[in-house]
């Protein structure tokens, strides 16, 4: 298990991570997502002992990582910006990896190279961007470490290769009991791949949750009434006199989740509303208003991410402006 506790990391006058705490459980696929400059890559480098935190602790199996060679043998890290020696072939790189990782499997290396249809004897500088990503993924997986870290795992891969990489990561987690930590700007990829997800923003951890819980905690309501209405209808739902009658139809756990309004927009007589809480509770409370139209829709992970970030003041419009040039550190 990996435990990150109250970690701070700064570069000159820039705070990349600001009192971050999270737990990465064993035998899972853990996703990191966030805006540009959120600190995802910095967090991976800290966990792998590339950087040293200014304060706080990072423990891997109850041991600190920085300058701890025995612990680092449990970790393999594929960075966003790939590095390999000059004219090195995959075979030469495999020999180097084998010197650092005692569990490196030559058989697995050959098998994966064949699966990806890559020639291990060819210089990696002759490979395309996607092929280079495949090559370093093969080398990392052949190390057979307990923990595997991928920064922008699917960058440069075509759809078929993405599915192949996903399948191989699944196999390592299921068959070997490995733990994979993944960052990606493609929320769709994380939605299909990860067990847990952490959302970072400007060096802070906004949330950490099971992907299934994250998607069910927010929901969208499309509704039309015979009368005019505004956002106050939804902000006052939990205070209505008939709340008790609605709660009687729900379990205690469902009722105690409560409700909060995150977004309201209206076009003509139809409103689109994003809420947090229990969708069944919302429907029971809204039924008393005799809606002409009412539909509760699930949100995609992309939509969840968008609305969570908007609550923090980070929007698509702002991204097109001053924040569009930021890069993750």
Foldseek 3Di string as FASTA:
>chain_A
DKWWAQFWAADVPATLAGGETDDFDFLFEEEEEEDFSLNPQVVVCCLLQVDPTPDTAIDDVRHGHHPPLVVNLQEDEQAPDHDDDDQAFLVVVLVVLVVRAVQQAPVQLVVQCVVVVHDRRGGPVPDDPQVVLSSVLSSQVSSLHQEYEYEQNCPPPDPVVLVVSLVSVNCSSVPVRHYYYYYHNDLVSCLVRGQKYWYGYSNYTLDIGGSVVLQQQKKKKKFFAPDDDDPVLQQCLCVDPCLVVLCVVDDPVQSVQDKDWQDWDDDPRIIMTMMGGHPSSVVSSCVVRVIPDIDMGTDRSVVSSQSSVVVVVDHPVVCVPDVVPHHHD
